[in-house]
Amino acid sequence: MVNIITELEKTAIPSLDIVGRTAIYVFYSSYKYVRQLSRFGDLGYSSKKARYALLYVDTATLETVVPKLMDLHFVKAVKVSEFDHLDMDFSSAFQETIQEAKNQEAKKAVEL
């Protein structure tokens, strides 16, 4: 029993750091090459009819992966998702919506 515990203590536990991921949309000419895209990242979705694939790539390696994808003979276009650059603070939008609703109520009160 003691040997098992010491063996477990010796093994290194990898850290669970959160790695930033970015979505890339890859437009291709033929569906048969989709499997090759998994070499560059995690294949999230692929559409046979629309001929595009959603690929998740580490943000740190994004600048090196995109040119490699563009060099593939079956890739037509590569678009990087803009989700990381969106402003996620919606408090100002909420305040604007409340103000617009108050203005509309005031207009209706004036008309009556």
PDB file of N, CA and C in Angstrom:
ATOM      1  N   MET A   1       0.824  -1.196   0.000  1.00  0.00           N
ATOM      2  CA  MET A   1       0.000   0.000   0.000  1.00  0.00           C
ATOM      3  C   MET A   1       0.867   1.257   0.000  1.00  0.00           C
ATOM      4  N   VAL A   2       1.965   1.196   0.748  1.00  0.00           N
ATOM      5  CA  VAL A   2       2.871   2.335   0.837  1.00  0.00           C
ATOM      6  C   VAL A   2       3.531   2.594  -0.504  1.00  0.00           C
ATOM      7  N   ASN A   3       3.855   1.544  -1.253  1.00  0.00           N
ATOM      8  CA  ASN A   3       4.484   1.693  -2.560  1.00  0.00           C
ATOM      9  C   ASN A   3       3.575   2.403  -3.543  1.00  0.00           C
ATOM     10  N   ILE A   4       2.283   2.130  -3.484  1.00  0.00           N
ATOM     11  CA  ILE A   4       1.328   2.774  -4.394  1.00  0.00           C
ATOM     12  C   ILE A   4       1.243   4.265  -4.109  1.00  0.00           C
ATOM     13  N   ILE A   5       1.209   4.633  -2.849  1.00  0.00           N
ATOM     14  CA  ILE A   5       1.116   6.050  -2.482  1.00  0.00           C
ATOM     15  C   ILE A   5       2.375   6.790  -2.907  1.00  0.00           C
ATOM     16  N   THR A   6       3.533   6.213  -2.707  1.00  0.00           N
ATOM     17  CA  THR A   6       4.768   6.888  -3.108  1.00  0.00           C
ATOM     18  C   THR A   6       4.867   7.000  -4.622  1.00  0.00           C
ATOM     19  N   GLU A   7       4.366   6.013  -5.348  1.00  0.00           N
ATOM     20  CA  GLU A   7       4.362   6.094  -6.812  1.00  0.00           C
ATOM     21  C   GLU A   7       3.447   7.211  -7.287  1.00  0.00           C
ATOM     22  N   LEU A   8       2.304   7.361  -6.634  1.00  0.00           N
ATOM     23  CA  LEU A   8       1.384   8.434  -7.015  1.00  0.00           C
ATOM     24  C   LEU A   8       1.966   9.800  -6.706  1.00  0.00           C
ATOM     25  N   GLU A   9       2.699   9.898  -5.616  1.00  0.00           N
ATOM     26  CA  GLU A   9       3.315  11.171  -5.254  1.00  0.00           C
ATOM     27  C   GLU A   9       4.429  11.537  -6.232  1.00  0.00           C
ATOM     28  N   LYS A  10       5.082  10.556  -6.812  1.00  0.00           N
ATOM     29  CA  LYS A  10       6.190  10.814  -7.734  1.00  0.00           C
ATOM     30  C   LYS A  10       5.719  11.305  -9.099  1.00  0.00           C
ATOM     31  N   THR A  11       4.551  10.864  -9.527  1.00  0.00           N
ATOM     32  CA  THR A  11       4.079  11.262 -10.850  1.00  0.00           C
ATOM     33  C   THR A  11       3.689  12.730 -10.841  1.00  0.00           C
ATOM     34  N   ALA A  12       4.106  13.411 -11.857  1.00  0.00           N
ATOM     35  CA  ALA A  12       3.808  14.837 -11.959  1.00  0.00           C
ATOM     36  C   ALA A  12       2.404  15.029 -12.510  1.00  0.00           C
ATOM     37  N   ILE A  13       1.673  15.892 -11.866  1.00  0.00           N
ATOM     38  CA  ILE A  13       0.320  16.207 -12.315  1.00  0.00           C
ATOM     39  C   ILE A  13       0.412  17.433 -13.210  1.00  0.00           C
ATOM     40  N   PRO A  14      -0.063  17.328 -14.441  1.00  0.00           N
ATOM     41  CA  PRO A  14       0.013  18.494 -15.330  1.00  0.00           C
ATOM     42  C   PRO A  14      -0.921  19.603 -14.848  1.00  0.00           C
ATOM     43  N   SER A  15      -0.517  20.818 -15.048  1.00  0.00           N
ATOM     44  CA  SER A  15      -1.337  21.949 -14.623  1.00  0.00           C
ATOM     45  C   SER A  15      -2.540  22.086 -15.549  1.00  0.00           C
ATOM     46  N   LEU A  16      -3.599  22.599 -14.996  1.00  0.00           N
ATOM     47  CA  LEU A  16      -4.836  22.774 -15.759  1.00  0.00           C
ATOM     48  C   LEU A  16      -5.014  24.233 -16.164  1.00  0.00           C
ATOM     49  N   ASP A  17      -4.004  24.778 -16.788  1.00  0.00           N
ATOM     50  CA  ASP A  17      -4.079  26.163 -17.247  1.00  0.00           C
ATOM     51  C   ASP A  17      -5.056  26.273 -18.401  1.00  0.00           C
ATOM     52  N   ILE A  18      -5.813  27.342 -18.395  1.00  0.00           N
ATOM     53  CA  ILE A  18      -6.769  27.570 -19.472  1.00  0.00           C
ATOM     54  C   ILE A  18      -6.017  28.190 -20.646  1.00  0.00           C
ATOM     55  N   VAL A  19      -6.081  27.535 -21.783  1.00  0.00           N
ATOM     56  CA  VAL A  19      -5.401  28.004 -22.987  1.00  0.00           C
ATOM     57  C   VAL A  19      -6.407  28.766 -23.835  1.00  0.00           C
ATOM     58  N   GLY A  20      -6.031  29.956 -24.269  1.00  0.00           N
ATOM     59  CA  GLY A  20      -6.917  30.739 -25.115  1.00  0.00           C
ATOM     60  C   GLY A  20      -7.080  30.088 -26.480  1.00  0.00           C
ATOM     61  N   ARG A  21      -8.321  29.985 -26.931  1.00  0.00           N
ATOM     62  CA  ARG A  21      -8.592  29.368 -28.235  1.00  0.00           C
ATOM     63  C   ARG A  21      -9.330  30.365 -29.109  1.00  0.00           C
ATOM     64  N   THR A  22      -9.069  30.290 -30.374  1.00  0.00           N
ATOM     65  CA  THR A  22      -9.704  31.164 -31.346  1.00  0.00           C
ATOM     66  C   THR A  22     -10.327  30.310 -32.436  1.00  0.00           C
ATOM     67  N   ALA A  23     -11.499  30.699 -32.871  1.00  0.00           N
ATOM     68  CA  ALA A  23     -12.189  29.977 -33.931  1.00  0.00           C
ATOM     69  C   ALA A  23     -11.718  30.476 -35.289  1.00  0.00           C
ATOM     70  N   ILE A  24     -11.512  29.553 -36.200  1.00  0.00           N
ATOM     71  CA  ILE A  24     -11.127  29.875 -37.573  1.00  0.00           C
ATOM     72  C   ILE A  24     -12.116  29.179 -38.495  1.00  0.00           C
ATOM     73  N   TYR A  25     -12.627  29.913 -39.459  1.00  0.00           N
ATOM     74  CA  TYR A  25     -13.507  29.335 -40.469  1.00  0.00           C
ATOM     75  C   TYR A  25     -12.678  29.093 -41.721  1.00  0.00           C
ATOM     76  N   VAL A  26     -12.635  27.841 -42.148  1.00  0.00           N
ATOM     77  CA  VAL A  26     -11.844  27.451 -43.309  1.00  0.00           C
ATOM     78  C   VAL A  26     -12.810  27.038 -44.415  1.00  0.00           C
ATOM     79  N   PHE A  27     -12.747  27.728 -45.529  1.00  0.00           N
ATOM     80  CA  PHE A  27     -13.585  27.411 -46.688  1.00  0.00           C
ATOM     81  C   PHE A  27     -12.752  26.569 -47.651  1.00  0.00           C
ATOM     82  N   TYR A  28     -13.279  25.420 -48.028  1.00  0.00           N
ATOM     83  CA  TYR A  28     -12.508  24.469 -48.835  1.00  0.00           C
ATOM     84  C   TYR A  28     -13.244  24.121 -50.114  1.00  0.00           C
ATOM     85  N   SER A  29     -12.529  23.478 -51.035  1.00  0.00           N
ATOM     86  CA  SER A  29     -13.101  23.146 -52.337  1.00  0.00           C
ATOM     87  C   SER A  29     -13.748  21.765 -52.360  1.00  0.00           C
ATOM     88  N   SER A  30     -13.261  20.842 -51.528  1.00  0.00           N
ATOM     89  CA  SER A  30     -13.802  19.499 -51.522  1.00  0.00           C
ATOM     90  C   SER A  30     -13.852  18.957 -50.099  1.00  0.00           C
ATOM     91  N   TYR A  31     -14.916  18.242 -49.786  1.00  0.00           N
ATOM     92  CA  TYR A  31     -15.132  17.712 -48.442  1.00  0.00           C
ATOM     93  C   TYR A  31     -14.141  16.602 -48.081  1.00  0.00           C
ATOM     94  N   LYS A  32     -13.569  15.957 -49.058  1.00  0.00           N
ATOM     95  CA  LYS A  32     -12.706  14.812 -48.766  1.00  0.00           C
ATOM     96  C   LYS A  32     -11.402  15.199 -48.062  1.00  0.00           C
ATOM     97  N   TYR A  33     -11.065  16.479 -48.044  1.00  0.00           N
ATOM     98  CA  TYR A  33      -9.838  16.926 -47.405  1.00  0.00           C
ATOM     99  C   TYR A  33     -10.040  17.420 -45.970  1.00  0.00           C
ATOM    100  N   VAL A  34     -11.251  17.367 -45.468  1.00  0.00           N
ATOM    101  CA  VAL A  34     -11.556  17.936 -44.158  1.00  0.00           C
ATOM    102  C   VAL A  34     -10.753  17.273 -43.046  1.00  0.00           C
ATOM    103  N   ARG A  35     -10.532  15.994 -43.152  1.00  0.00           N
ATOM    104  CA  ARG A  35      -9.802  15.276 -42.118  1.00  0.00           C
ATOM    105  C   ARG A  35      -8.392  15.824 -41.921  1.00  0.00           C
ATOM    106  N   GLN A  36      -7.805  16.378 -42.969  1.00  0.00           N
ATOM    107  CA  GLN A  36      -6.451  16.933 -42.864  1.00  0.00           C
ATOM    108  C   GLN A  36      -6.411  18.180 -41.993  1.00  0.00           C
ATOM    109  N   LEU A  37      -7.541  18.862 -41.854  1.00  0.00           N
ATOM    110  CA  LEU A  37      -7.574  20.084 -41.062  1.00  0.00           C
ATOM    111  C   LEU A  37      -7.360  19.821 -39.572  1.00  0.00           C
ATOM    112  N   SER A  38      -7.632  18.607 -39.126  1.00  0.00           N
ATOM    113  CA  SER A  38      -7.476  18.296 -37.706  1.00  0.00           C
ATOM    114  C   SER A  38      -6.014  18.323 -37.263  1.00  0.00           C
ATOM    115  N   ARG A  39      -5.067  18.357 -38.202  1.00  0.00           N
ATOM    116  CA  ARG A  39      -3.655  18.492 -37.843  1.00  0.00           C
ATOM    117  C   ARG A  39      -3.361  19.866 -37.258  1.00  0.00           C
ATOM    118  N   PHE A  40      -4.142  20.864 -37.603  1.00  0.00           N
ATOM    119  CA  PHE A  40      -3.868  22.245 -37.221  1.00  0.00           C
ATOM    120  C   PHE A  40      -4.597  22.680 -35.960  1.00  0.00           C
ATOM    121  N   GLY A  41      -5.624  21.949 -35.556  1.00  0.00           N
ATOM    122  CA  GLY A  41      -6.379  22.310 -34.362  1.00  0.00           C
ATOM    123  C   GLY A  41      -7.537  21.353 -34.166  1.00  0.00           C
ATOM    124  N   ASP A  42      -8.451  21.720 -33.288  1.00  0.00           N
ATOM    125  CA  ASP A  42      -9.619  20.888 -33.013  1.00  0.00           C
ATOM    126  C   ASP A  42     -10.718  21.218 -34.006  1.00  0.00           C
ATOM    127  N   LEU A  43     -11.151  20.216 -34.734  1.00  0.00           N
ATOM    128  CA  LEU A  43     -12.201  20.393 -35.724  1.00  0.00           C
ATOM    129  C   LEU A  43     -13.545  20.389 -35.004  1.00  0.00           C
ATOM    130  N   GLY A  44     -14.200  21.543 -34.980  1.00  0.00           N
ATOM    131  CA  GLY A  44     -15.460  21.669 -34.260  1.00  0.00           C
ATOM    132  C   GLY A  44     -16.659  21.295 -35.094  1.00  0.00           C
ATOM    133  N   TYR A  45     -16.666  21.695 -36.361  1.00  0.00           N
ATOM    134  CA  TYR A  45     -17.810  21.451 -37.229  1.00  0.00           C
ATOM    135  C   TYR A  45     -17.343  21.533 -38.664  1.00  0.00           C
ATOM    136  N   SER A  46     -17.966  20.764 -39.531  1.00  0.00           N
ATOM    137  CA  SER A  46     -17.701  20.888 -40.958  1.00  0.00           C
ATOM    138  C   SER A  46     -19.010  20.692 -41.705  1.00  0.00           C
ATOM    139  N   SER A  47     -19.219  21.533 -42.689  1.00  0.00           N
ATOM    140  CA  SER A  47     -20.431  21.483 -43.480  1.00  0.00           C
ATOM    141  C   SER A  47     -20.104  20.953 -44.865  1.00  0.00           C
ATOM    142  N   LYS A  48     -20.747  19.864 -45.209  1.00  0.00           N
ATOM    143  CA  LYS A  48     -20.504  19.266 -46.513  1.00  0.00           C
ATOM    144  C   LYS A  48     -21.117  20.117 -47.618  1.00  0.00           C
ATOM    145  N   LYS A  49     -22.302  20.655 -47.368  1.00  0.00           N
ATOM    146  CA  LYS A  49     -23.019  21.412 -48.388  1.00  0.00           C
ATOM    147  C   LYS A  49     -22.433  22.820 -48.578  1.00  0.00           C
ATOM    148  N   ALA A  50     -22.163  23.510 -47.476  1.00  0.00           N
ATOM    149  CA  ALA A  50     -21.653  24.885 -47.565  1.00  0.00           C
ATOM    150  C   ALA A  50     -20.137  24.940 -47.749  1.00  0.00           C
ATOM    151  N   ARG A  51     -19.465  23.807 -47.593  1.00  0.00           N
ATOM    152  CA  ARG A  51     -18.020  23.680 -47.810  1.00  0.00           C
ATOM    153  C   ARG A  51     -17.190  24.617 -46.918  1.00  0.00           C
ATOM    154  N   TYR A  52     -17.454  24.524 -45.618  1.00  0.00           N
ATOM    155  CA  TYR A  52     -16.607  25.227 -44.668  1.00  0.00           C
ATOM    156  C   TYR A  52     -16.456  24.375 -43.422  1.00  0.00           C
ATOM    157  N   ALA A  53     -15.417  24.667 -42.660  1.00  0.00           N
ATOM    158  CA  ALA A  53     -15.158  23.948 -41.414  1.00  0.00           C
ATOM    159  C   ALA A  53     -14.814  24.956 -40.331  1.00  0.00           C
ATOM    160  N   LEU A  54     -15.239  24.646 -39.111  1.00  0.00           N
ATOM    161  CA  LEU A  54     -14.911  25.457 -37.949  1.00  0.00           C
ATOM    162  C   LEU A  54     -13.785  24.767 -37.215  1.00  0.00           C
ATOM    163  N   LEU A  55     -12.681  25.469 -37.071  1.00  0.00           N
ATOM    164  CA  LEU A  55     -11.476  24.912 -36.485  1.00  0.00           C
ATOM    165  C   LEU A  55     -11.079  25.759 -35.283  1.00  0.00           C
ATOM    166  N   TYR A  56     -10.847  25.130 -34.128  1.00  0.00           N
ATOM    167  CA  TYR A  56     -10.397  25.840 -32.938  1.00  0.00           C
ATOM    168  C   TYR A  56      -8.898  25.669 -32.800  1.00  0.00           C
ATOM    169  N   VAL A  57      -8.189  26.805 -32.680  1.00  0.00           N
ATOM    170  CA  VAL A  57      -6.725  26.824 -32.632  1.00  0.00           C
ATOM    171  C   VAL A  57      -6.294  27.604 -31.400  1.00  0.00           C
ATOM    172  N   ASP A  58      -5.177  27.223 -30.795  1.00  0.00           N
ATOM    173  CA  ASP A  58      -4.626  27.989 -29.689  1.00  0.00           C
ATOM    174  C   ASP A  58      -4.290  29.398 -30.179  1.00  0.00           C
ATOM    175  N   THR A  59      -4.632  30.387 -29.381  1.00  0.00           N
ATOM    176  CA  THR A  59      -4.412  31.782 -29.776  1.00  0.00           C
ATOM    177  C   THR A  59      -2.921  32.073 -29.955  1.00  0.00           C
ATOM    178  N   ALA A  60      -2.076  31.418 -29.197  1.00  0.00           N
ATOM    179  CA  ALA A  60      -0.628  31.648 -29.296  1.00  0.00           C
ATOM    180  C   ALA A  60      -0.069  31.199 -30.643  1.00  0.00           C
ATOM    181  N   THR A  61      -0.657  30.181 -31.242  1.00  0.00           N
ATOM    182  CA  THR A  61      -0.150  29.664 -32.509  1.00  0.00           C
ATOM    183  C   THR A  61      -0.962  30.145 -33.713  1.00  0.00           C
ATOM    184  N   LEU A  62      -1.850  31.064 -33.499  1.00  0.00           N
ATOM    185  CA  LEU A  62      -2.752  31.526 -34.561  1.00  0.00           C
ATOM    186  C   LEU A  62      -2.001  32.125 -35.750  1.00  0.00           C
ATOM    187  N   GLU A  63      -0.993  32.938 -35.473  1.00  0.00           N
ATOM    188  CA  GLU A  63      -0.270  33.621 -36.549  1.00  0.00           C
ATOM    189  C   GLU A  63       0.535  32.668 -37.420  1.00  0.00           C
ATOM    190  N   THR A  64       0.897  31.520 -36.902  1.00  0.00           N
ATOM    191  CA  THR A  64       1.637  30.558 -37.711  1.00  0.00           C
ATOM    192  C   THR A  64       0.712  29.579 -38.427  1.00  0.00           C
ATOM    193  N   VAL A  65      -0.463  29.334 -37.863  1.00  0.00           N
ATOM    194  CA  VAL A  65      -1.386  28.352 -38.439  1.00  0.00           C
ATOM    195  C   VAL A  65      -2.104  28.905 -39.665  1.00  0.00           C
ATOM    196  N   VAL A  66      -2.513  30.166 -39.621  1.00  0.00           N
ATOM    197  CA  VAL A  66      -3.294  30.738 -40.726  1.00  0.00           C
ATOM    198  C   VAL A  66      -2.525  30.706 -42.056  1.00  0.00           C
ATOM    199  N   PRO A  67      -1.247  31.107 -42.113  1.00  0.00           N
ATOM    200  CA  PRO A  67      -0.533  30.987 -43.392  1.00  0.00           C
ATOM    201  C   PRO A  67      -0.382  29.547 -43.873  1.00  0.00           C
ATOM    202  N   LYS A  68      -0.207  28.607 -42.922  1.00  0.00           N
ATOM    203  CA  LYS A  68      -0.094  27.200 -43.314  1.00  0.00           C
ATOM    204  C   LYS A  68      -1.401  26.704 -43.921  1.00  0.00           C
ATOM    205  N   LEU A  69      -2.520  27.154 -43.358  1.00  0.00           N
ATOM    206  CA  LEU A  69      -3.814  26.758 -43.907  1.00  0.00           C
ATOM    207  C   LEU A  69      -4.026  27.343 -45.300  1.00  0.00           C
ATOM    208  N   MET A  70      -3.603  28.584 -45.494  1.00  0.00           N
ATOM    209  CA  MET A  70      -3.771  29.234 -46.798  1.00  0.00           C
ATOM    210  C   MET A  70      -2.932  28.548 -47.879  1.00  0.00           C
ATOM    211  N   ASP A  71      -1.830  27.923 -47.489  1.00  0.00           N
ATOM    212  CA  ASP A  71      -0.960  27.250 -48.456  1.00  0.00           C
ATOM    213  C   ASP A  71      -1.511  25.906 -48.937  1.00  0.00           C
ATOM    214  N   LEU A  72      -2.493  25.363 -48.246  1.00  0.00           N
ATOM    215  CA  LEU A  72      -3.059  24.078 -48.662  1.00  0.00           C
ATOM    216  C   LEU A  72      -3.825  24.241 -49.972  1.00  0.00           C
ATOM    217  N   HIS A  73      -3.709  23.283 -50.861  1.00  0.00           N
ATOM    218  CA  HIS A  73      -4.280  23.414 -52.206  1.00  0.00           C
ATOM    219  C   HIS A  73      -5.803  23.381 -52.221  1.00  0.00           C
ATOM    220  N   PHE A  74      -6.434  22.801 -51.217  1.00  0.00           N
ATOM    221  CA  PHE A  74      -7.889  22.687 -51.211  1.00  0.00           C
ATOM    222  C   PHE A  74      -8.582  23.821 -50.451  1.00  0.00           C
ATOM    223  N   VAL A  75      -7.818  24.719 -49.823  1.00  0.00           N
ATOM    224  CA  VAL A  75      -8.398  25.809 -49.040  1.00  0.00           C
ATOM    225  C   VAL A  75      -8.612  27.028 -49.934  1.00  0.00           C
ATOM    226  N   LYS A  76      -9.842  27.533 -49.928  1.00  0.00           N
ATOM    227  CA  LYS A  76     -10.169  28.722 -50.710  1.00  0.00           C
ATOM    228  C   LYS A  76      -9.961  30.000 -49.908  1.00  0.00           C
ATOM    229  N   ALA A  77     -10.428  30.001 -48.661  1.00  0.00           N
ATOM    230  CA  ALA A  77     -10.318  31.191 -47.817  1.00  0.00           C
ATOM    231  C   ALA A  77     -10.258  30.778 -46.355  1.00  0.00           C
ATOM    232  N   VAL A  78      -9.646  31.645 -45.547  1.00  0.00           N
ATOM    233  CA  VAL A  78      -9.564  31.436 -44.108  1.00  0.00           C
ATOM    234  C   VAL A  78      -9.986  32.729 -43.434  1.00  0.00           C
ATOM    235  N   LYS A  79     -10.957  32.630 -42.516  1.00  0.00           N
ATOM    236  CA  LYS A  79     -11.409  33.807 -41.772  1.00  0.00           C
ATOM    237  C   LYS A  79     -11.296  33.522 -40.283  1.00  0.00           C
ATOM    238  N   VAL A  80     -10.688  34.464 -39.575  1.00  0.00           N
ATOM    239  CA  VAL A  80     -10.517  34.334 -38.128  1.00  0.00           C
ATOM    240  C   VAL A  80     -11.721  34.990 -37.455  1.00  0.00           C
ATOM    241  N   SER A  81     -12.262  34.338 -36.440  1.00  0.00           N
ATOM    242  CA  SER A  81     -13.425  34.844 -35.727  1.00  0.00           C
ATOM    243  C   SER A  81     -13.092  36.132 -34.983  1.00  0.00           C
ATOM    244  N   GLU A  82     -14.012  37.057 -34.972  1.00  0.00           N
ATOM    245  CA  GLU A  82     -13.838  38.337 -34.288  1.00  0.00           C
ATOM    246  C   GLU A  82     -14.449  38.320 -32.890  1.00  0.00           C
ATOM    247  N   PHE A  83     -14.838  37.156 -32.401  1.00  0.00           N
ATOM    248  CA  PHE A  83     -15.511  37.053 -31.105  1.00  0.00           C
ATOM    249  C   PHE A  83     -14.641  37.561 -29.961  1.00  0.00           C
ATOM    250  N   ASP A  84     -13.333  37.353 -30.031  1.00  0.00           N
ATOM    251  CA  ASP A  84     -12.431  37.794 -28.968  1.00  0.00           C
ATOM    252  C   ASP A  84     -12.340  39.309 -28.881  1.00  0.00           C
ATOM    253  N   HIS A  85     -12.667  40.005 -29.968  1.00  0.00           N
ATOM    254  CA  HIS A  85     -12.539  41.462 -30.012  1.00  0.00           C
ATOM    255  C   HIS A  85     -13.849  42.178 -29.694  1.00  0.00           C
ATOM    256  N   LEU A  86     -14.914  41.438 -29.437  1.00  0.00           N
ATOM    257  CA  LEU A  86     -16.200  42.059 -29.123  1.00  0.00           C
ATOM    258  C   LEU A  86     -16.210  42.592 -27.700  1.00  0.00           C
ATOM    259  N   ASP A  87     -16.928  43.707 -27.517  1.00  0.00           N
ATOM    260  CA  ASP A  87     -17.095  44.278 -26.191  1.00  0.00           C
ATOM    261  C   ASP A  87     -18.214  43.526 -25.478  1.00  0.00           C
ATOM    262  N   MET A  88     -17.881  42.871 -24.391  1.00  0.00           N
ATOM    263  CA  MET A  88     -18.863  42.062 -23.679  1.00  0.00           C
ATOM    264  C   MET A  88     -19.537  42.811 -22.540  1.00  0.00           C
ATOM    265  N   ASP A  89     -19.298  44.100 -22.416  1.00  0.00           N
ATOM    266  CA  ASP A  89     -19.933  44.906 -21.380  1.00  0.00           C
ATOM    267  C   ASP A  89     -21.228  45.476 -21.947  1.00  0.00           C
ATOM    268  N   PHE A  90     -22.344  44.911 -21.521  1.00  0.00           N
ATOM    269  CA  PHE A  90     -23.644  45.298 -22.057  1.00  0.00           C
ATOM    270  C   PHE A  90     -24.390  46.259 -21.144  1.00  0.00           C
ATOM    271  N   SER A  91     -23.763  46.755 -20.104  1.00  0.00           N
ATOM    272  CA  SER A  91     -24.449  47.636 -19.168  1.00  0.00           C
ATOM    273  C   SER A  91     -24.852  48.952 -19.842  1.00  0.00           C
ATOM    274  N   SER A  92     -23.998  49.483 -20.716  1.00  0.00           N
ATOM    275  CA  SER A  92     -24.344  50.736 -21.394  1.00  0.00           C
ATOM    276  C   SER A  92     -25.487  50.521 -22.383  1.00  0.00           C
ATOM    277  N   ALA A  93     -25.512  49.391 -23.048  1.00  0.00           N
ATOM    278  CA  ALA A  93     -26.601  49.088 -23.978  1.00  0.00           C
ATOM    279  C   ALA A  93     -27.915  48.935 -23.217  1.00  0.00           C
ATOM    280  N   PHE A  94     -27.873  48.367 -22.031  1.00  0.00           N
ATOM    281  CA  PHE A  94     -29.071  48.209 -21.215  1.00  0.00           C
ATOM    282  C   PHE A  94     -29.607  49.569 -20.783  1.00  0.00           C
ATOM    283  N   GLN A  95     -28.720  50.458 -20.397  1.00  0.00           N
ATOM    284  CA  GLN A  95     -29.135  51.808 -20.002  1.00  0.00           C
ATOM    285  C   GLN A  95     -29.742  52.566 -21.179  1.00  0.00           C
ATOM    286  N   GLU A  96     -29.172  52.400 -22.372  1.00  0.00           N
ATOM    287  CA  GLU A  96     -29.717  53.050 -23.564  1.00  0.00           C
ATOM    288  C   GLU A  96     -31.118  52.536 -23.879  1.00  0.00           C
ATOM    289  N   THR A  97     -31.340  51.244 -23.713  1.00  0.00           N
ATOM    290  CA  THR A  97     -32.652  50.659 -23.975  1.00  0.00           C
ATOM    291  C   THR A  97     -33.683  51.201 -22.995  1.00  0.00           C
ATOM    292  N   ILE A  98     -33.324  51.330 -21.749  1.00  0.00           N
ATOM    293  CA  ILE A  98     -34.241  51.890 -20.745  1.00  0.00           C
ATOM    294  C   ILE A  98     -34.560  53.339 -21.079  1.00  0.00           C
ATOM    295  N   GLN A  99     -33.551  54.098 -21.490  1.00  0.00           N
ATOM    296  CA  GLN A  99     -33.767  55.514 -21.832  1.00  0.00           C
ATOM    297  C   GLN A  99     -34.683  55.655 -23.043  1.00  0.00           C
ATOM    298  N   GLU A 100     -34.517  54.802 -24.043  1.00  0.00           N
ATOM    299  CA  GLU A 100     -35.389  54.842 -25.226  1.00  0.00           C
ATOM    300  C   GLU A 100     -36.830  54.518 -24.858  1.00  0.00           C
ATOM    301  N   ALA A 101     -37.014  53.548 -23.965  1.00  0.00           N
ATOM    302  CA  ALA A 101     -38.366  53.185 -23.534  1.00  0.00           C
ATOM    303  C   ALA A 101     -39.018  54.342 -22.789  1.00  0.00           C
ATOM    304  N   LYS A 102     -38.261  55.031 -21.956  1.00  0.00           N
ATOM    305  CA  LYS A 102     -38.799  56.196 -21.233  1.00  0.00           C
ATOM    306  C   LYS A 102     -39.150  57.315 -22.208  1.00  0.00           C
ATOM    307  N   ASN A 103     -38.325  57.529 -23.223  1.00  0.00           N
ATOM    308  CA  ASN A 103     -38.598  58.571 -24.219  1.00  0.00           C
ATOM    309  C   ASN A 103     -39.873  58.264 -25.005  1.00  0.00           C
ATOM    310  N   GLN A 104     -40.080  56.995 -25.355  1.00  0.00           N
ATOM    311  CA  GLN A 104     -41.290  56.610 -26.088  1.00  0.00           C
ATOM    312  C   GLN A 104     -42.528  56.793 -25.216  1.00  0.00           C
ATOM    313  N   GLU A 105     -42.438  56.481 -23.937  1.00  0.00           N
ATOM    314  CA  GLU A 105     -43.577  56.683 -23.029  1.00  0.00           C
ATOM    315  C   GLU A 105     -43.879  58.164 -22.880  1.00  0.00           C
ATOM    316  N   ALA A 106     -42.823  58.991 -22.842  1.00  0.00           N
ATOM    317  CA  ALA A 106     -43.021  60.439 -22.718  1.00  0.00           C
ATOM    318  C   ALA A 106     -43.692  60.997 -23.961  1.00  0.00           C
ATOM    319  N   LYS A 107     -43.311  60.485 -25.145  1.00  0.00           N
ATOM    320  CA  LYS A 107     -43.945  60.933 -26.391  1.00  0.00           C
ATOM    321  C   LYS A 107     -45.406  60.562 -26.425  1.00  0.00           C
ATOM    322  N   LYS A 108     -45.747  59.364 -25.965  1.00  0.00           N
ATOM    323  CA  LYS A 108     -47.141  58.926 -25.949  1.00  0.00           C
ATOM    324  C   LYS A 108     -47.949  59.776 -24.970  1.00  0.00           C
ATOM    325  N   ALA A 109     -47.365  60.147 -23.845  1.00  0.00           N
ATOM    326  CA  ALA A 109     -48.067  60.974 -22.855  1.00  0.00           C
ATOM    327  C   ALA A 109     -48.316  62.358 -23.410  1.00  0.00           C
ATOM    328  N   VAL A 110     -47.388  62.911 -24.177  1.00  0.00           N
ATOM    329  CA  VAL A 110     -47.539  64.241 -24.767  1.00  0.00           C
ATOM    330  C   VAL A 110     -48.628  64.220 -25.840  1.00  0.00           C
ATOM    331  N   GLU A 111     -48.701  63.135 -26.627  1.00  0.00           N
ATOM    332  CA  GLU A 111     -49.689  63.032 -27.698  1.00  0.00           C
ATOM    333  C   GLU A 111     -51.109  62.954 -27.155  1.00  0.00           C
ATOM    334  N   LEU A 112     -51.304  62.374 -25.983  1.00  0.00           N
ATOM    335  CA  LEU A 112     -52.640  62.251 -25.407  1.00  0.00           C
ATOM    336  C   LEU A 112     -53.048  63.557 -24.859  1.00  0.00           C
TER     337      LEU A 112
END
